[in-house]
Amino acid sequence: MWQSKYQLIEFEARGAVLIVRFARGEGLNAINARMHTEMSWLFRDIAEHSDCSAVVLTGKGKAFSAGGDIDWFSNISPAEVDQLFVEARRLIVDMLELPQPIISAINGPAVGLGATLALFCDISYMGRSAVIADTHVLAGIAAGDGGAAIWPWLIGMHRAKEFLLTGRKITAGDAERLGLVNHVVDDDALLKAALDMAQELADGSQMAIRATKTSLNKILRDTVNLNLDTSLALEKACFYSADHKDRLTAFLTKRHARQSSHS
């Protein structure tokens, strides 16, 4: 089956609903090179090979995804940076092109690219204890992976600028109040709530639902066409900056100090 090539993303069929779980055990599903490559395959594979009628996107364990793995970024080669940004564009475009509706079940931290993927879903559910943040700027890089496209549509330009320029974390309650996510539910009810919505859509008129999604996503595609290439190019330039390297070093030094204090 087509899913067999995946190592860090898991699939579970529930009738006409496909559950997709980010499943990198260490580091709250932080995204390393392999996981990022698999993400870049994901939505095209579902579109071409899956007969599901709706998708639920979530994380395995205690997190949706903690974003890019700092260890990966601290050792990434120029060739890997080039591959990263080719994959990053494909990932967002393919996600918007997926015919089936996608429901996000945000089951813990959704940070950086994790936040972007959660918010590009068609309908979003968030566990009450979860948090969401686009923290690119805290790592000294531009919010280039799609955040600059989706956040203004969801919460308006001024609020989007506040959160993208500061990297502040947003609680589930505030995310719902701001309109960043559709629904907040108790953590233990999250997956069921997302599955119920996915099943409702899977039971509906597939031609009508997919046509309506396509029409709505044309608006998002226009925004992505306007700013994604620019934001990715600006983010890529930041990867080679002294500020980015200094921030990675500071983070790794703090983590080592914490680990030493607990040993």
C-alpha atoms as a PDB file:
ATOM      1  CA  MET A   1       0.000   0.000   0.000  1.00  0.00           C
ATOM      2  CA  TRP A   2       1.038   3.595  -0.526  1.00  0.00           C
ATOM      3  CA  GLN A   3       1.271   4.229   3.232  1.00  0.00           C
ATOM      4  CA  SER A   4       4.106   1.723   3.626  1.00  0.00           C
ATOM      5  CA  LYS A   5       6.798   4.237   2.657  1.00  0.00           C
ATOM      6  CA  TYR A   6       5.955   6.429   5.665  1.00  0.00           C
ATOM      7  CA  GLN A   7       7.981   6.051   8.849  1.00  0.00           C
ATOM      8  CA  LEU A   8       6.945   9.088  10.893  1.00  0.00           C
ATOM      9  CA  ILE A   9       3.311   9.542   9.827  1.00  0.00           C
ATOM     10  CA  GLU A  10       0.678   6.965  10.712  1.00  0.00           C
ATOM     11  CA  PHE A  11      -2.661   6.239   9.054  1.00  0.00           C
ATOM     12  CA  GLU A  12      -5.879   4.759  10.390  1.00  0.00           C
ATOM     13  CA  ALA A  13      -9.037   4.227   8.340  1.00  0.00           C
ATOM     14  CA  ARG A  14     -12.371   4.680  10.109  1.00  0.00           C
ATOM     15  CA  GLY A  15     -14.772   3.853   7.311  1.00  0.00           C
ATOM     16  CA  ALA A  16     -14.665   6.748   4.871  1.00  0.00           C
ATOM     17  CA  VAL A  17     -12.585   8.878   7.263  1.00  0.00           C
ATOM     18  CA  LEU A  18      -8.786   8.701   7.233  1.00  0.00           C
ATOM     19  CA  ILE A  19      -6.970   9.628  10.450  1.00  0.00           C
ATOM     20  CA  VAL A  20      -3.460  10.940   9.807  1.00  0.00           C
ATOM     21  CA  ARG A  21      -1.131  11.195  12.808  1.00  0.00           C
ATOM     22  CA  PHE A  22       2.260  12.849  13.007  1.00  0.00           C
ATOM     23  CA  ALA A  23       4.183  10.173  14.871  1.00  0.00           C
ATOM     24  CA  ARG A  24       7.763  11.079  15.632  1.00  0.00           C
ATOM     25  CA  GLY A  25       8.009   9.898  19.212  1.00  0.00           C
ATOM     26  CA  GLU A  26      10.776  12.119  20.502  1.00  0.00           C
ATOM     27  CA  GLY A  27      10.398  15.853  20.977  1.00  0.00           C
ATOM     28  CA  LEU A  28       6.625  16.250  20.711  1.00  0.00           C
ATOM     29  CA  ASN A  29       6.511  15.302  17.021  1.00  0.00           C
ATOM     30  CA  ALA A  30       9.175  17.860  16.175  1.00  0.00           C
ATOM     31  CA  ILE A  31       9.858  17.873  12.445  1.00  0.00           C
ATOM     32  CA  ASN A  32      13.199  16.515  11.262  1.00  0.00           C
ATOM     33  CA  ALA A  33      14.393  16.031   7.672  1.00  0.00           C
ATOM     34  CA  ARG A  34      12.629  12.694   7.193  1.00  0.00           C
ATOM     35  CA  MET A  35       9.347  13.887   8.654  1.00  0.00           C
ATOM     36  CA  HIS A  36       9.391  17.050   6.540  1.00  0.00           C
ATOM     37  CA  THR A  37       9.930  14.971   3.397  1.00  0.00           C
ATOM     38  CA  GLU A  38       7.029  12.707   4.351  1.00  0.00           C
ATOM     39  CA  MET A  39       4.830  15.764   4.933  1.00  0.00           C
ATOM     40  CA  SER A  40       5.684  16.928   1.425  1.00  0.00           C
ATOM     41  CA  TRP A  41       4.383  13.605   0.054  1.00  0.00           C
ATOM     42  CA  LEU A  42       1.310  13.423   2.246  1.00  0.00           C
ATOM     43  CA  PHE A  43      -1.473  15.386   0.615  1.00  0.00           C
ATOM     44  CA  ARG A  44      -0.638  14.419  -2.956  1.00  0.00           C
ATOM     45  CA  ASP A  45      -0.585  10.763  -1.924  1.00  0.00           C
ATOM     46  CA  ILE A  46      -3.992  11.074  -0.265  1.00  0.00           C
ATOM     47  CA  ALA A  47      -5.402  12.856  -3.307  1.00  0.00           C
ATOM     48  CA  GLU A  48      -4.061  10.260  -5.747  1.00  0.00           C
ATOM     49  CA  HIS A  49      -4.290   7.020  -3.786  1.00  0.00           C
ATOM     50  CA  SER A  50      -6.876   7.250  -1.009  1.00  0.00           C
ATOM     51  CA  ASP A  51     -10.607   6.714  -1.477  1.00  0.00           C
ATOM     52  CA  CYS A  52     -11.440   8.420   1.830  1.00  0.00           C
ATOM     53  CA  SER A  53     -14.073  11.148   1.939  1.00  0.00           C
ATOM     54  CA  ALA A  54     -12.602  13.189   4.808  1.00  0.00           C
ATOM     55  CA  VAL A  55      -9.304  13.460   6.696  1.00  0.00           C
ATOM     56  CA  VAL A  56      -8.575  14.075  10.379  1.00  0.00           C
ATOM     57  CA  LEU A  57      -5.070  15.455  10.957  1.00  0.00           C
ATOM     58  CA  THR A  58      -3.621  15.136  14.462  1.00  0.00           C
ATOM     59  CA  GLY A  59      -0.517  14.193  16.418  1.00  0.00           C
ATOM     60  CA  LYS A  60       0.333  10.982  18.189  1.00  0.00           C
ATOM     61  CA  GLY A  61       0.914  11.342  21.909  1.00  0.00           C
ATOM     62  CA  LYS A  62       0.932  14.682  23.713  1.00  0.00           C
ATOM     63  CA  ALA A  63       1.457  17.088  20.807  1.00  0.00           C
ATOM     64  CA  PHE A  64       0.196  17.992  17.378  1.00  0.00           C
ATOM     65  CA  SER A  65       3.707  19.064  16.350  1.00  0.00           C
ATOM     66  CA  ALA A  66       6.307  21.180  18.127  1.00  0.00           C
ATOM     67  CA  GLY A  67       7.597  22.519  14.789  1.00  0.00           C
ATOM     68  CA  GLY A  68      11.067  22.257  13.312  1.00  0.00           C
ATOM     69  CA  ASP A  69      13.614  20.161  15.193  1.00  0.00           C
ATOM     70  CA  ILE A  70      16.368  22.445  16.503  1.00  0.00           C
ATOM     71  CA  ASP A  71      18.973  19.680  16.240  1.00  0.00           C
ATOM     72  CA  TRP A  72      18.175  19.306  12.537  1.00  0.00           C
ATOM     73  CA  PHE A  73      18.367  23.039  11.903  1.00  0.00           C
ATOM     74  CA  SER A  74      21.654  23.378  13.798  1.00  0.00           C
ATOM     75  CA  ASN A  75      23.375  20.828  11.536  1.00  0.00           C
ATOM     76  CA  ILE A  76      21.544  21.355   8.246  1.00  0.00           C
ATOM     77  CA  SER A  77      23.650  21.540   5.065  1.00  0.00           C
ATOM     78  CA  PRO A  78      23.085  23.978   2.178  1.00  0.00           C
ATOM     79  CA  ALA A  79      21.790  21.116   0.010  1.00  0.00           C
ATOM     80  CA  GLU A  80      19.337  20.150   2.729  1.00  0.00           C
ATOM     81  CA  VAL A  81      18.187  23.769   3.020  1.00  0.00           C
ATOM     82  CA  ASP A  82      17.477  23.777  -0.714  1.00  0.00           C
ATOM     83  CA  GLN A  83      15.464  20.561  -0.400  1.00  0.00           C
ATOM     84  CA  LEU A  84      13.617  21.881   2.652  1.00  0.00           C
ATOM     85  CA  PHE A  85      12.265  24.879   0.788  1.00  0.00           C
ATOM     86  CA  VAL A  86      11.273  22.925  -2.319  1.00  0.00           C
ATOM     87  CA  GLU A  87       9.323  20.592  -0.039  1.00  0.00           C
ATOM     88  CA  ALA A  88       7.841  23.487   1.937  1.00  0.00           C
ATOM     89  CA  ARG A  89       6.188  24.994  -1.121  1.00  0.00           C
ATOM     90  CA  ARG A  90       4.887  21.647  -2.357  1.00  0.00           C
ATOM     91  CA  LEU A  91       3.416  20.883   1.065  1.00  0.00           C
ATOM     92  CA  ILE A  92       1.227  23.984   1.248  1.00  0.00           C
ATOM     93  CA  VAL A  93       0.106  23.893  -2.382  1.00  0.00           C
ATOM     94  CA  ASP A  94      -0.778  20.188  -2.215  1.00  0.00           C
ATOM     95  CA  MET A  95      -2.667  20.714   1.022  1.00  0.00           C
ATOM     96  CA  LEU A  96      -4.807  23.408  -0.573  1.00  0.00           C
ATOM     97  CA  GLU A  97      -5.379  21.208  -3.619  1.00  0.00           C
ATOM     98  CA  LEU A  98      -6.570  18.163  -1.654  1.00  0.00           C
ATOM     99  CA  PRO A  99     -10.210  17.530  -2.671  1.00  0.00           C
ATOM    100  CA  GLN A 100     -11.276  15.963   0.622  1.00  0.00           C
ATOM    101  CA  PRO A 101     -12.036  18.199   3.599  1.00  0.00           C
ATOM    102  CA  ILE A 102      -9.407  18.137   6.360  1.00  0.00           C
ATOM    103  CA  ILE A 103     -10.270  18.478  10.040  1.00  0.00           C
ATOM    104  CA  SER A 104      -7.454  19.302  12.445  1.00  0.00           C
ATOM    105  CA  ALA A 105      -7.515  17.855  15.961  1.00  0.00           C
ATOM    106  CA  ILE A 106      -4.934  19.984  17.776  1.00  0.00           C
ATOM    107  CA  ASN A 107      -4.050  17.760  20.701  1.00  0.00           C
ATOM    108  CA  GLY A 108      -1.198  19.681  22.313  1.00  0.00           C
ATOM    109  CA  PRO A 109       1.438  22.173  21.174  1.00  0.00           C
ATOM    110  CA  ALA A 110       1.100  23.201  17.521  1.00  0.00           C
ATOM    111  CA  VAL A 111       4.154  25.334  16.882  1.00  0.00           C
ATOM    112  CA  GLY A 112       5.853  26.768  13.795  1.00  0.00           C
ATOM    113  CA  LEU A 113       5.071  24.579  10.807  1.00  0.00           C
ATOM    114  CA  GLY A 114       2.845  22.551  13.115  1.00  0.00           C
ATOM    115  CA  ALA A 115       0.681  25.630  13.618  1.00  0.00           C
ATOM    116  CA  THR A 116       0.640  26.347   9.882  1.00  0.00           C
ATOM    117  CA  LEU A 117      -0.595  22.842   9.051  1.00  0.00           C
ATOM    118  CA  ALA A 118      -3.235  22.929  11.781  1.00  0.00           C
ATOM    119  CA  LEU A 119      -4.580  26.256  10.532  1.00  0.00           C
ATOM    120  CA  PHE A 120      -4.588  25.368   6.831  1.00  0.00           C
ATOM    121  CA  CYS A 121      -7.044  22.569   7.605  1.00  0.00           C
ATOM    122  CA  ASP A 122     -10.624  23.302   6.583  1.00  0.00           C
ATOM    123  CA  ILE A 123     -12.111  23.061  10.087  1.00  0.00           C
ATOM    124  CA  SER A 124     -10.132  23.053  13.332  1.00  0.00           C
ATOM    125  CA  TYR A 125     -10.742  21.544  16.764  1.00  0.00           C
ATOM    126  CA  MET A 126      -8.396  22.268  19.655  1.00  0.00           C
ATOM    127  CA  GLY A 127      -7.959  20.472  22.958  1.00  0.00           C
ATOM    128  CA  ARG A 128      -8.515  22.704  25.977  1.00  0.00           C
ATOM    129  CA  SER A 129      -4.924  22.338  27.216  1.00  0.00           C
ATOM    130  CA  ALA A 130      -3.336  22.827  23.783  1.00  0.00           C
ATOM    131  CA  VAL A 131      -1.399  25.907  22.687  1.00  0.00           C
ATOM    132  CA  ILE A 132      -0.616  27.259  19.247  1.00  0.00           C
ATOM    133  CA  ALA A 133       2.123  29.618  18.095  1.00  0.00           C
ATOM    134  CA  ASP A 134       4.131  30.596  15.066  1.00  0.00           C
ATOM    135  CA  THR A 135       7.544  30.926  16.680  1.00  0.00           C
ATOM    136  CA  HIS A 136       9.695  31.390  13.582  1.00  0.00           C
ATOM    137  CA  VAL A 137      10.887  34.847  14.664  1.00  0.00           C
ATOM    138  CA  LEU A 138      12.079  33.473  18.012  1.00  0.00           C
ATOM    139  CA  ALA A 139      14.495  31.284  16.050  1.00  0.00           C
ATOM    140  CA  GLY A 140      15.639  34.252  13.964  1.00  0.00           C
ATOM    141  CA  ILE A 141      13.823  33.224  10.781  1.00  0.00           C
ATOM    142  CA  ALA A 142      10.887  34.682   8.871  1.00  0.00           C
ATOM    143  CA  ALA A 143       7.432  33.149   9.239  1.00  0.00           C
ATOM    144  CA  GLY A 144       7.791  31.834   5.722  1.00  0.00           C
ATOM    145  CA  ASP A 145       6.144  28.418   5.562  1.00  0.00           C
ATOM    146  CA  GLY A 146       2.587  29.665   5.047  1.00  0.00           C
ATOM    147  CA  GLY A 147       1.841  31.475   8.285  1.00  0.00           C
ATOM    148  CA  ALA A 148       1.919  34.874   6.584  1.00  0.00           C
ATOM    149  CA  ALA A 149      -0.797  33.622   4.227  1.00  0.00           C
ATOM    150  CA  ILE A 150      -3.225  31.949   6.625  1.00  0.00           C
ATOM    151  CA  TRP A 151      -3.118  33.943   9.873  1.00  0.00           C
ATOM    152  CA  PRO A 152      -4.410  37.250   8.398  1.00  0.00           C
ATOM    153  CA  TRP A 153      -7.359  35.428   6.827  1.00  0.00           C
ATOM    154  CA  LEU A 154      -8.333  33.890  10.147  1.00  0.00           C
ATOM    155  CA  ILE A 155      -7.823  36.731  12.636  1.00  0.00           C
ATOM    156  CA  GLY A 156      -7.154  39.879  10.598  1.00  0.00           C
ATOM    157  CA  MET A 157      -3.939  41.601   9.635  1.00  0.00           C
ATOM    158  CA  HIS A 158      -3.219  43.517  12.865  1.00  0.00           C
ATOM    159  CA  ARG A 159      -3.665  40.506  15.104  1.00  0.00           C
ATOM    160  CA  ALA A 160      -1.714  38.323  12.680  1.00  0.00           C
ATOM    161  CA  LYS A 161       1.168  40.796  12.811  1.00  0.00           C
ATOM    162  CA  GLU A 162       1.110  40.818  16.612  1.00  0.00           C
ATOM    163  CA  PHE A 163       1.450  37.051  16.899  1.00  0.00           C
ATOM    164  CA  LEU A 164       3.758  36.457  13.923  1.00  0.00           C
ATOM    165  CA  LEU A 165       6.118  39.277  14.902  1.00  0.00           C
ATOM    166  CA  THR A 166       6.343  38.186  18.552  1.00  0.00           C
ATOM    167  CA  GLY A 167       5.969  34.402  18.369  1.00  0.00           C
ATOM    168  CA  ARG A 168       3.668  34.490  21.402  1.00  0.00           C
ATOM    169  CA  LYS A 169       1.832  31.326  22.371  1.00  0.00           C
ATOM    170  CA  ILE A 170      -1.962  31.364  22.289  1.00  0.00           C
ATOM    171  CA  THR A 171      -4.094  29.262  24.600  1.00  0.00           C
ATOM    172  CA  ALA A 172      -7.008  27.268  23.248  1.00  0.00           C
ATOM    173  CA  GLY A 173      -9.557  29.621  24.776  1.00  0.00           C
ATOM    174  CA  ASP A 174      -7.927  32.677  23.214  1.00  0.00           C
ATOM    175  CA  ALA A 175      -7.530  30.889  19.872  1.00  0.00           C
ATOM    176  CA  GLU A 176     -11.270  30.220  19.797  1.00  0.00           C
ATOM    177  CA  ARG A 177     -12.120  33.767  20.920  1.00  0.00           C
ATOM    178  CA  LEU A 178      -9.927  35.258  18.193  1.00  0.00           C
ATOM    179  CA  GLY A 179     -11.373  32.986  15.492  1.00  0.00           C
ATOM    180  CA  LEU A 180      -8.078  31.183  14.936  1.00  0.00           C
ATOM    181  CA  VAL A 181      -9.776  27.806  15.471  1.00  0.00           C
ATOM    182  CA  ASN A 182     -13.382  26.703  15.137  1.00  0.00           C
ATOM    183  CA  HIS A 183     -13.957  24.763  18.351  1.00  0.00           C
ATOM    184  CA  VAL A 184     -12.305  24.061  21.697  1.00  0.00           C
ATOM    185  CA  VAL A 185     -13.262  20.855  23.512  1.00  0.00           C
ATOM    186  CA  ASP A 186     -12.005  18.876  26.474  1.00  0.00           C
ATOM    187  CA  ASP A 187      -8.808  16.998  25.673  1.00  0.00           C
ATOM    188  CA  ASP A 188     -10.391  13.573  26.065  1.00  0.00           C
ATOM    189  CA  ALA A 189     -13.241  14.532  23.718  1.00  0.00           C
ATOM    190  CA  LEU A 190     -11.036  16.042  21.001  1.00  0.00           C
ATOM    191  CA  LEU A 191     -10.596  13.143  18.612  1.00  0.00           C
ATOM    192  CA  LYS A 192     -14.261  12.149  18.804  1.00  0.00           C
ATOM    193  CA  ALA A 193     -15.368  15.719  18.070  1.00  0.00           C
ATOM    194  CA  ALA A 194     -13.083  15.913  15.029  1.00  0.00           C
ATOM    195  CA  LEU A 195     -14.176  12.470  13.852  1.00  0.00           C
ATOM    196  CA  ASP A 196     -17.855  13.390  14.219  1.00  0.00           C
ATOM    197  CA  MET A 197     -17.351  16.425  11.979  1.00  0.00           C
ATOM    198  CA  ALA A 198     -15.332  14.381   9.497  1.00  0.00           C
ATOM    199  CA  GLN A 199     -18.047  11.723   9.417  1.00  0.00           C
ATOM    200  CA  GLU A 200     -20.731  14.349   8.825  1.00  0.00           C
ATOM    201  CA  LEU A 201     -18.772  15.595   5.840  1.00  0.00           C
ATOM    202  CA  ALA A 202     -18.057  12.054   4.633  1.00  0.00           C
ATOM    203  CA  ASP A 203     -21.800  11.340   4.730  1.00  0.00           C
ATOM    204  CA  GLY A 204     -22.628  14.469   2.719  1.00  0.00           C
ATOM    205  CA  SER A 205     -22.727  15.110  -1.007  1.00  0.00           C
ATOM    206  CA  GLN A 206     -19.128  14.574  -2.058  1.00  0.00           C
ATOM    207  CA  MET A 207     -19.380  16.456  -5.318  1.00  0.00           C
ATOM    208  CA  ALA A 208     -20.990  19.468  -3.652  1.00  0.00           C
ATOM    209  CA  ILE A 209     -18.646  19.521  -0.639  1.00  0.00           C
ATOM    210  CA  ARG A 210     -15.507  19.180  -2.749  1.00  0.00           C
ATOM    211  CA  ALA A 211     -16.707  21.807  -5.214  1.00  0.00           C
ATOM    212  CA  THR A 212     -17.435  24.228  -2.397  1.00  0.00           C
ATOM    213  CA  LYS A 213     -14.030  23.605  -0.812  1.00  0.00           C
ATOM    214  CA  THR A 214     -12.343  24.177  -4.174  1.00  0.00           C
ATOM    215  CA  SER A 215     -14.103  27.513  -4.577  1.00  0.00           C
ATOM    216  CA  LEU A 216     -13.162  28.679  -1.089  1.00  0.00           C
ATOM    217  CA  ASN A 217      -9.584  27.521  -1.426  1.00  0.00           C
ATOM    218  CA  LYS A 218      -9.180  29.544  -4.614  1.00  0.00           C
ATOM    219  CA  ILE A 219      -9.185  32.569  -2.303  1.00  0.00           C
ATOM    220  CA  LEU A 220      -6.417  31.064  -0.188  1.00  0.00           C
ATOM    221  CA  ARG A 221      -4.516  29.985  -3.303  1.00  0.00           C
ATOM    222  CA  ASP A 222      -4.533  33.592  -4.506  1.00  0.00           C
ATOM    223  CA  THR A 223      -2.944  34.645  -1.215  1.00  0.00           C
ATOM    224  CA  VAL A 224      -0.421  31.802  -1.349  1.00  0.00           C
ATOM    225  CA  ASN A 225       0.418  32.718  -4.944  1.00  0.00           C
ATOM    226  CA  LEU A 226       0.933  36.305  -3.802  1.00  0.00           C
ATOM    227  CA  ASN A 227       3.215  35.779  -0.838  1.00  0.00           C
ATOM    228  CA  LEU A 228       4.422  32.186  -0.334  1.00  0.00           C
ATOM    229  CA  ASP A 229       7.397  32.319  -2.709  1.00  0.00           C
ATOM    230  CA  THR A 230       8.505  35.640  -1.214  1.00  0.00           C
ATOM    231  CA  SER A 231       8.084  34.494   2.378  1.00  0.00           C
ATOM    232  CA  LEU A 232       9.918  31.226   1.705  1.00  0.00           C
ATOM    233  CA  ALA A 233      12.784  33.086   0.021  1.00  0.00           C
ATOM    234  CA  LEU A 234      13.055  35.477   2.960  1.00  0.00           C
ATOM    235  CA  GLU A 235      12.970  32.608   5.430  1.00  0.00           C
ATOM    236  CA  LYS A 236      15.648  30.760   3.470  1.00  0.00           C
ATOM    237  CA  ALA A 237      17.904  33.823   3.580  1.00  0.00           C
ATOM    238  CA  CYS A 238      17.495  33.912   7.361  1.00  0.00           C
ATOM    239  CA  PHE A 239      18.854  30.354   7.623  1.00  0.00           C
ATOM    240  CA  TYR A 240      22.303  31.701   6.765  1.00  0.00           C
ATOM    241  CA  SER A 241      22.177  34.676   9.142  1.00  0.00           C
ATOM    242  CA  ALA A 242      24.318  35.076  12.242  1.00  0.00           C
ATOM    243  CA  ASP A 243      21.204  35.876  14.273  1.00  0.00           C
ATOM    244  CA  HIS A 244      19.607  32.534  13.430  1.00  0.00           C
ATOM    245  CA  LYS A 245      22.786  30.639  14.303  1.00  0.00           C
ATOM    246  CA  ASP A 246      23.128  32.557  17.580  1.00  0.00           C
ATOM    247  CA  ARG A 247      19.555  31.778  18.575  1.00  0.00           C
ATOM    248  CA  LEU A 248      19.978  28.079  17.809  1.00  0.00           C
ATOM    249  CA  THR A 249      23.155  28.017  19.872  1.00  0.00           C
ATOM    250  CA  ALA A 250      21.434  29.785  22.775  1.00  0.00           C
ATOM    251  CA  PHE A 251      18.540  27.328  22.697  1.00  0.00           C
ATOM    252  CA  LEU A 252      20.819  24.291  22.619  1.00  0.00           C
ATOM    253  CA  THR A 253      22.965  25.724  25.442  1.00  0.00           C
ATOM    254  CA  LYS A 254      19.875  26.263  27.612  1.00  0.00           C
ATOM    255  CA  ARG A 255      18.635  22.757  26.892  1.00  0.00           C
ATOM    256  CA  HIS A 256      22.019  21.261  27.785  1.00  0.00           C
ATOM    257  CA  ALA A 257      22.043  23.257  31.030  1.00  0.00           C
ATOM    258  CA  ARG A 258      18.566  21.996  31.928  1.00  0.00           C
ATOM    259  CA  GLN A 259      19.566  18.421  31.183  1.00  0.00           C
ATOM    260  CA  SER A 260      22.744  18.761  33.273  1.00  0.00           C
ATOM    261  CA  SER A 261      20.798  20.155  36.237  1.00  0.00           C
ATOM    262  CA  HIS A 262      18.517  17.096  36.206  1.00  0.00           C
ATOM    263  CA  SER A 263      21.312  14.527  35.870  1.00  0.00           C
END
